[in-house]
Amino acid sequence: MSVSVRFMPDNITVEADIGEPLLTVAERAGIEIPTGCLMGSCHACEVDIEEIGELCSCISSVPPGYAQLTINLFSDPTW
């Protein structure tokens, strides 16, 4: 089953598989999410998924139970 993932504010939508890493989905959509430690500690890759809340995209994947997800990207000039 695929999930429709929309990245805001760019309003780009791609299809993703359940369990697919969020960074992989973003890359396929042409979206660059800044990363730091790649372990979820530094929160450089933090995004806000409207249906779930804030999480670190480097250690997160597309969750089951959703037909669509809207990911709001944060802008942090230090990263």
PDB file of N, CA and C in Angstrom:
ATOM      1  N   MET A   1       0.848  -1.183   0.000  1.00  0.00           N
ATOM      2  CA  MET A   1       0.000   0.000   0.000  1.00  0.00           C
ATOM      3  C   MET A   1       0.887   1.238   0.000  1.00  0.00           C
ATOM      4  N   SER A   2       0.523   2.200  -0.814  1.00  0.00           N
ATOM      5  CA  SER A   2       1.321   3.417  -0.872  1.00  0.00           C
ATOM      6  C   SER A   2       0.617   4.556  -0.137  1.00  0.00           C
ATOM      7  N   VAL A   3       1.422   5.515   0.237  1.00  0.00           N
ATOM      8  CA  VAL A   3       0.958   6.692   0.962  1.00  0.00           C
ATOM      9  C   VAL A   3       1.337   7.916   0.142  1.00  0.00           C
ATOM     10  N   SER A   4       0.433   8.857  -0.003  1.00  0.00           N
ATOM     11  CA  SER A   4       0.703  10.109  -0.688  1.00  0.00           C
ATOM     12  C   SER A   4       1.363  11.059   0.315  1.00  0.00           C
ATOM     13  N   VAL A   5       2.585  11.481   0.017  1.00  0.00           N
ATOM     14  CA  VAL A   5       3.339  12.353   0.925  1.00  0.00           C
ATOM     15  C   VAL A   5       3.511  13.714   0.259  1.00  0.00           C
ATOM     16  N   ARG A   6       3.019  14.750   0.937  1.00  0.00           N
ATOM     17  CA  ARG A   6       3.110  16.116   0.405  1.00  0.00           C
ATOM     18  C   ARG A   6       4.084  16.910   1.257  1.00  0.00           C
ATOM     19  N   PHE A   7       5.054  17.528   0.600  1.00  0.00           N
ATOM     20  CA  PHE A   7       6.046  18.362   1.285  1.00  0.00           C
ATOM     21  C   PHE A   7       5.662  19.822   1.129  1.00  0.00           C
ATOM     22  N   MET A   8       5.531  20.497   2.264  1.00  0.00           N
ATOM     23  CA  MET A   8       5.203  21.921   2.277  1.00  0.00           C
ATOM     24  C   MET A   8       6.411  22.688   2.783  1.00  0.00           C
ATOM     25  N   PRO A   9       6.708  23.879   2.377  1.00  0.00           N
ATOM     26  CA  PRO A   9       5.840  24.782   1.620  1.00  0.00           C
ATOM     27  C   PRO A   9       5.950  24.631   0.105  1.00  0.00           C
ATOM     28  N   ASP A  10       6.734  23.673  -0.391  1.00  0.00           N
ATOM     29  CA  ASP A  10       6.925  23.530  -1.834  1.00  0.00           C
ATOM     30  C   ASP A  10       5.731  22.910  -2.543  1.00  0.00           C
ATOM     31  N   ASN A  11       4.831  22.288  -1.785  1.00  0.00           N
ATOM     32  CA  ASN A  11       3.631  21.641  -2.320  1.00  0.00           C
ATOM     33  C   ASN A  11       3.980  20.591  -3.388  1.00  0.00           C
ATOM     34  N   ILE A  12       4.955  19.740  -3.044  1.00  0.00           N
ATOM     35  CA  ILE A  12       5.365  18.645  -3.917  1.00  0.00           C
ATOM     36  C   ILE A  12       4.849  17.354  -3.307  1.00  0.00           C
ATOM     37  N   THR A  13       4.162  16.549  -4.111  1.00  0.00           N
ATOM     38  CA  THR A  13       3.582  15.298  -3.635  1.00  0.00           C
ATOM     39  C   THR A  13       4.198  14.115  -4.370  1.00  0.00           C
ATOM     40  N   VAL A  14       4.566  13.091  -3.614  1.00  0.00           N
ATOM     41  CA  VAL A  14       5.084  11.841  -4.174  1.00  0.00           C
ATOM     42  C   VAL A  14       4.405  10.676  -3.466  1.00  0.00           C
ATOM     43  N   GLU A  15       4.429   9.533  -4.113  1.00  0.00           N
ATOM     44  CA  GLU A  15       3.925   8.306  -3.505  1.00  0.00           C
ATOM     45  C   GLU A  15       5.084   7.614  -2.793  1.00  0.00           C
ATOM     46  N   ALA A  16       4.792   7.035  -1.633  1.00  0.00           N
ATOM     47  CA  ALA A  16       5.816   6.344  -0.855  1.00  0.00           C
ATOM     48  C   ALA A  16       5.247   5.044  -0.305  1.00  0.00           C
ATOM     49  N   ASP A  17       6.136   4.113  -0.052  1.00  0.00           N
ATOM     50  CA  ASP A  17       5.738   2.846   0.543  1.00  0.00           C
ATOM     51  C   ASP A  17       5.805   2.937   2.057  1.00  0.00           C
ATOM     52  N   ILE A  18       4.930   2.215   2.732  1.00  0.00           N
ATOM     53  CA  ILE A  18       4.982   2.135   4.189  1.00  0.00           C
ATOM     54  C   ILE A  18       6.335   1.551   4.574  1.00  0.00           C
ATOM     55  N   GLY A  19       6.984   2.175   5.541  1.00  0.00           N
ATOM     56  CA  GLY A  19       8.300   1.733   5.989  1.00  0.00           C
ATOM     57  C   GLY A  19       9.460   2.362   5.251  1.00  0.00           C
ATOM     58  N   GLU A  20       9.185   3.108   4.194  1.00  0.00           N
ATOM     59  CA  GLU A  20      10.261   3.769   3.437  1.00  0.00           C
ATOM     60  C   GLU A  20      10.809   4.932   4.260  1.00  0.00           C
ATOM     61  N   PRO A  21      12.139   5.072   4.361  1.00  0.00           N
ATOM     62  CA  PRO A  21      12.724   6.169   5.126  1.00  0.00           C
ATOM     63  C   PRO A  21      12.277   7.537   4.593  1.00  0.00           C
ATOM     64  N   LEU A  22      11.968   8.447   5.506  1.00  0.00           N
ATOM     65  CA  LEU A  22      11.507   9.777   5.087  1.00  0.00           C
ATOM     66  C   LEU A  22      12.558  10.524   4.278  1.00  0.00           C
ATOM     67  N   LEU A  23      13.830  10.359   4.612  1.00  0.00           N
ATOM     68  CA  LEU A  23      14.873  11.044   3.840  1.00  0.00           C
ATOM     69  C   LEU A  23      14.919  10.537   2.397  1.00  0.00           C
ATOM     70  N   THR A  24      14.638   9.267   2.192  1.00  0.00           N
ATOM     71  CA  THR A  24      14.602   8.695   0.848  1.00  0.00           C
ATOM     72  C   THR A  24      13.421   9.248   0.058  1.00  0.00           C
ATOM     73  N   VAL A  25      12.285   9.359   0.720  1.00  0.00           N
ATOM     74  CA  VAL A  25      11.091   9.920   0.073  1.00  0.00           C
ATOM     75  C   VAL A  25      11.345  11.366  -0.319  1.00  0.00           C
ATOM     76  N   ALA A  26      11.933  12.137   0.589  1.00  0.00           N
ATOM     77  CA  ALA A  26      12.234  13.544   0.303  1.00  0.00           C
ATOM     78  C   ALA A  26      13.207  13.671  -0.864  1.00  0.00           C
ATOM     79  N   GLU A  27      14.231  12.848  -0.873  1.00  0.00           N
ATOM     80  CA  GLU A  27      15.215  12.883  -1.963  1.00  0.00           C
ATOM     81  C   GLU A  27      14.553  12.600  -3.309  1.00  0.00           C
ATOM     82  N   ARG A  28      13.677  11.612  -3.342  1.00  0.00           N
ATOM     83  CA  ARG A  28      12.977  11.277  -4.580  1.00  0.00           C
ATOM     84  C   ARG A  28      12.099  12.431  -5.052  1.00  0.00           C
ATOM     85  N   ALA A  29      11.588  13.228  -4.105  1.00  0.00           N
ATOM     86  CA  ALA A  29      10.749  14.381  -4.432  1.00  0.00           C
ATOM     87  C   ALA A  29      11.587  15.606  -4.808  1.00  0.00           C
ATOM     88  N   GLY A  30      12.901  15.492  -4.692  1.00  0.00           N
ATOM     89  CA  GLY A  30      13.760  16.636  -4.993  1.00  0.00           C
ATOM     90  C   GLY A  30      13.858  17.611  -3.840  1.00  0.00           C
ATOM     91  N   ILE A  31      13.508  17.144  -2.649  1.00  0.00           N
ATOM     92  CA  ILE A  31      13.531  17.978  -1.442  1.00  0.00           C
ATOM     93  C   ILE A  31      14.770  17.623  -0.635  1.00  0.00           C
ATOM     94  N   GLU A  32      15.511  18.627  -0.212  1.00  0.00           N
ATOM     95  CA  GLU A  32      16.671  18.387   0.639  1.00  0.00           C
ATOM     96  C   GLU A  32      16.322  18.740   2.076  1.00  0.00           C
ATOM     97  N   ILE A  33      16.385  17.752   2.938  1.00  0.00           N
ATOM     98  CA  ILE A  33      16.185  17.977   4.368  1.00  0.00           C
ATOM     99  C   ILE A  33      17.568  17.995   5.003  1.00  0.00           C
ATOM    100  N   PRO A  34      17.933  19.085   5.676  1.00  0.00           N
ATOM    101  CA  PRO A  34      19.255  19.153   6.303  1.00  0.00           C
ATOM    102  C   PRO A  34      19.417  18.036   7.335  1.00  0.00           C
ATOM    103  N   THR A  35      20.608  17.492   7.425  1.00  0.00           N
ATOM    104  CA  THR A  35      20.897  16.473   8.435  1.00  0.00           C
ATOM    105  C   THR A  35      22.156  16.852   9.182  1.00  0.00           C
ATOM    106  N   GLY A  36      22.296  16.300  10.333  1.00  0.00           N
ATOM    107  CA  GLY A  36      23.492  16.530  11.139  1.00  0.00           C
ATOM    108  C   GLY A  36      24.081  15.197  11.555  1.00  0.00           C
ATOM    109  N   CYS A  37      23.621  14.683  12.684  1.00  0.00           N
ATOM    110  CA  CYS A  37      24.196  13.464  13.258  1.00  0.00           C
ATOM    111  C   CYS A  37      23.693  12.174  12.617  1.00  0.00           C
ATOM    112  N   LEU A  38      22.544  12.214  11.949  1.00  0.00           N
ATOM    113  CA  LEU A  38      21.890  11.048  11.356  1.00  0.00           C
ATOM    114  C   LEU A  38      21.503   9.989  12.390  1.00  0.00           C
ATOM    115  N   MET A  39      21.367  10.415  13.657  1.00  0.00           N
ATOM    116  CA  MET A  39      20.941   9.502  14.716  1.00  0.00           C
ATOM    117  C   MET A  39      19.747  10.064  15.491  1.00  0.00           C
ATOM    118  N   GLY A  40      19.255  11.238  15.105  1.00  0.00           N
ATOM    119  CA  GLY A  40      18.112  11.836  15.771  1.00  0.00           C
ATOM    120  C   GLY A  40      18.427  12.661  17.000  1.00  0.00           C
ATOM    121  N   SER A  41      19.702  12.821  17.314  1.00  0.00           N
ATOM    122  CA  SER A  41      20.080  13.554  18.520  1.00  0.00           C
ATOM    123  C   SER A  41      20.131  15.066  18.337  1.00  0.00           C
ATOM    124  N   CYS A  42      20.576  15.513  17.166  1.00  0.00           N
ATOM    125  CA  CYS A  42      20.799  16.952  16.966  1.00  0.00           C
ATOM    126  C   CYS A  42      19.545  17.687  16.490  1.00  0.00           C
ATOM    127  N   HIS A  43      18.567  16.965  15.994  1.00  0.00           N
ATOM    128  CA  HIS A  43      17.293  17.516  15.515  1.00  0.00           C
ATOM    129  C   HIS A  43      17.425  18.439  14.305  1.00  0.00           C
ATOM    130  N   ALA A  44      18.543  18.366  13.593  1.00  0.00           N
ATOM    131  CA  ALA A  44      18.706  19.175  12.380  1.00  0.00           C
ATOM    132  C   ALA A  44      17.699  18.770  11.315  1.00  0.00           C
ATOM    133  N   CYS A  45      17.289  17.516  11.317  1.00  0.00           N
ATOM    134  CA  CYS A  45      16.392  16.986  10.293  1.00  0.00           C
ATOM    135  C   CYS A  45      14.930  16.965  10.749  1.00  0.00           C
ATOM    136  N   GLU A  46      14.619  17.684  11.793  1.00  0.00           N
ATOM    137  CA  GLU A  46      13.263  17.659  12.347  1.00  0.00           C
ATOM    138  C   GLU A  46      12.252  18.255  11.364  1.00  0.00           C
ATOM    139  N   VAL A  47      11.153  17.561  11.206  1.00  0.00           N
ATOM    140  CA  VAL A  47      10.045  18.004  10.366  1.00  0.00           C
ATOM    141  C   VAL A  47       8.760  17.891  11.181  1.00  0.00           C
ATOM    142  N   ASP A  48       7.719  18.548  10.710  1.00  0.00           N
ATOM    143  CA  ASP A  48       6.413  18.459  11.356  1.00  0.00           C
ATOM    144  C   ASP A  48       5.468  17.746  10.405  1.00  0.00           C
ATOM    145  N   ILE A  49       5.010  16.578  10.803  1.00  0.00           N
ATOM    146  CA  ILE A  49       4.013  15.859  10.022  1.00  0.00           C
ATOM    147  C   ILE A  49       2.667  16.206  10.620  1.00  0.00           C
ATOM    148  N   GLU A  50       1.820  16.864   9.843  1.00  0.00           N
ATOM    149  CA  GLU A  50       0.546  17.369  10.365  1.00  0.00           C
ATOM    150  C   GLU A  50      -0.261  16.291  11.074  1.00  0.00           C
ATOM    151  N   GLU A  51      -0.250  15.092  10.549  1.00  0.00           N
ATOM    152  CA  GLU A  51      -1.063  14.016  11.102  1.00  0.00           C
ATOM    153  C   GLU A  51      -0.449  13.360  12.340  1.00  0.00           C
ATOM    154  N   ILE A  52       0.846  13.637  12.607  1.00  0.00           N
ATOM    155  CA  ILE A  52       1.550  12.946  13.700  1.00  0.00           C
ATOM    156  C   ILE A  52       2.184  13.903  14.694  1.00  0.00           C
ATOM    157  N   GLY A  53       2.892  14.908  14.195  1.00  0.00           N
ATOM    158  CA  GLY A  53       3.628  15.838  15.049  1.00  0.00           C
ATOM    159  C   GLY A  53       5.068  15.936  14.584  1.00  0.00           C
ATOM    160  N   GLU A  54       5.934  16.493  15.426  1.00  0.00           N
ATOM    161  CA  GLU A  54       7.333  16.698  15.078  1.00  0.00           C
ATOM    162  C   GLU A  54       8.131  15.425  15.305  1.00  0.00           C
ATOM    163  N   LEU A  55       9.036  15.155  14.357  1.00  0.00           N
ATOM    164  CA  LEU A  55       9.931  14.012  14.506  1.00  0.00           C
ATOM    165  C   LEU A  55      11.182  14.218  13.674  1.00  0.00           C
ATOM    166  N   CYS A  56      12.196  13.435  13.948  1.00  0.00           N
ATOM    167  CA  CYS A  56      13.455  13.503  13.214  1.00  0.00           C
ATOM    168  C   CYS A  56      13.360  12.600  11.990  1.00  0.00           C
ATOM    169  N   SER A  57      13.500  13.181  10.822  1.00  0.00           N
ATOM    170  CA  SER A  57      13.315  12.420   9.588  1.00  0.00           C
ATOM    171  C   SER A  57      14.439  11.424   9.330  1.00  0.00           C
ATOM    172  N   CYS A  58      15.605  11.615   9.936  1.00  0.00           N
ATOM    173  CA  CYS A  58      16.724  10.703   9.683  1.00  0.00           C
ATOM    174  C   CYS A  58      16.506   9.322  10.293  1.00  0.00           C
ATOM    175  N   ILE A  59      15.634   9.226  11.280  1.00  0.00           N
ATOM    176  CA  ILE A  59      15.387   7.939  11.938  1.00  0.00           C
ATOM    177  C   ILE A  59      13.928   7.522  11.819  1.00  0.00           C
ATOM    178  N   SER A  60      13.191   8.159  10.918  1.00  0.00           N
ATOM    179  CA  SER A  60      11.759   7.880  10.789  1.00  0.00           C
ATOM    180  C   SER A  60      11.430   7.391   9.387  1.00  0.00           C
ATOM    181  N   SER A  61      10.357   6.636   9.319  1.00  0.00           N
ATOM    182  CA  SER A  61       9.903   6.122   8.031  1.00  0.00           C
ATOM    183  C   SER A  61       8.409   6.389   7.883  1.00  0.00           C
ATOM    184  N   VAL A  62       7.887   6.127   6.698  1.00  0.00           N
ATOM    185  CA  VAL A  62       6.470   6.333   6.422  1.00  0.00           C
ATOM    186  C   VAL A  62       5.670   5.340   7.272  1.00  0.00           C
ATOM    187  N   PRO A  63       4.812   5.854   8.152  1.00  0.00           N
ATOM    188  CA  PRO A  63       4.077   4.966   9.055  1.00  0.00           C
ATOM    189  C   PRO A  63       2.853   4.339   8.385  1.00  0.00           C
ATOM    190  N   PRO A  64       2.416   3.192   8.890  1.00  0.00           N
ATOM    191  CA  PRO A  64       1.189   2.577   8.372  1.00  0.00           C
ATOM    192  C   PRO A  64      -0.042   3.306   8.905  1.00  0.00           C
ATOM    193  N   GLY A  65      -1.164   3.102   8.245  1.00  0.00           N
ATOM    194  CA  GLY A  65      -2.418   3.642   8.746  1.00  0.00           C
ATOM    195  C   GLY A  65      -2.818   4.993   8.187  1.00  0.00           C
ATOM    196  N   TYR A  66      -2.083   5.495   7.229  1.00  0.00           N
ATOM    197  CA  TYR A  66      -2.388   6.801   6.645  1.00  0.00           C
ATOM    198  C   TYR A  66      -2.452   6.680   5.127  1.00  0.00           C
ATOM    199  N   ALA A  67      -3.433   7.344   4.526  1.00  0.00           N
ATOM    200  CA  ALA A  67      -3.513   7.405   3.065  1.00  0.00           C
ATOM    201  C   ALA A  67      -2.655   8.539   2.538  1.00  0.00           C
ATOM    202  N   GLN A  68      -2.504   9.582   3.369  1.00  0.00           N
ATOM    203  CA  GLN A  68      -1.663  10.711   2.982  1.00  0.00           C
ATOM    204  C   GLN A  68      -1.029  11.339   4.210  1.00  0.00           C
ATOM    205  N   LEU A  69       0.118  11.968   3.988  1.00  0.00           N
ATOM    206  CA  LEU A  69       0.839  12.695   5.025  1.00  0.00           C
ATOM    207  C   LEU A  69       1.248  14.042   4.466  1.00  0.00           C
ATOM    208  N   THR A  70       1.189  15.065   5.301  1.00  0.00           N
ATOM    209  CA  THR A  70       1.680  16.381   4.920  1.00  0.00           C
ATOM    210  C   THR A  70       2.850  16.718   5.817  1.00  0.00           C
ATOM    211  N   ILE A  71       4.010  16.911   5.205  1.00  0.00           N
ATOM    212  CA  ILE A  71       5.234  17.192   5.941  1.00  0.00           C
ATOM    213  C   ILE A  71       5.596  18.655   5.760  1.00  0.00           C
ATOM    214  N   ASN A  72       5.607  19.381   6.867  1.00  0.00           N
ATOM    215  CA  ASN A  72       6.014  20.786   6.864  1.00  0.00           C
ATOM    216  C   ASN A  72       7.494  20.846   7.208  1.00  0.00           C
ATOM    217  N   LEU A  73       8.270  21.463   6.339  1.00  0.00           N
ATOM    218  CA  LEU A  73       9.707  21.571   6.530  1.00  0.00           C
ATOM    219  C   LEU A  73      10.035  22.835   7.306  1.00  0.00           C
ATOM    220  N   PHE A  74      10.929  22.692   8.262  1.00  0.00           N
ATOM    221  CA  PHE A  74      11.392  23.838   9.013  1.00  0.00           C
ATOM    222  C   PHE A  74      12.563  24.486   8.284  1.00  0.00           C
ATOM    223  N   SER A  75      12.773  25.741   8.526  1.00  0.00           N
ATOM    224  CA  SER A  75      13.921  26.436   7.954  1.00  0.00           C
ATOM    225  C   SER A  75      14.806  26.909   9.077  1.00  0.00           C
ATOM    226  N   ASP A  76      16.040  26.404   9.120  1.00  0.00           N
ATOM    227  CA  ASP A  76      16.994  26.785  10.156  1.00  0.00           C
ATOM    228  C   ASP A  76      18.284  27.221   9.472  1.00  0.00           C
ATOM    229  N   PRO A  77      18.561  28.511   9.453  1.00  0.00           N
ATOM    230  CA  PRO A  77      19.735  29.012   8.723  1.00  0.00           C
ATOM    231  C   PRO A  77      21.068  28.510   9.278  1.00  0.00           C
ATOM    232  N   THR A  78      21.107  27.971  10.497  1.00  0.00           N
ATOM    233  CA  THR A  78      22.366  27.483  11.051  1.00  0.00           C
ATOM    234  C   THR A  78      22.748  26.134  10.482  1.00  0.00           C
ATOM    235  N   TRP A  79      21.797  25.410   9.848  1.00  0.00           N
ATOM    236  CA  TRP A  79      22.115  24.104   9.277  1.00  0.00           C
ATOM    237  C   TRP A  79      22.233  24.301   7.798  1.00  0.00           C
TER     238      TRP A  79
END
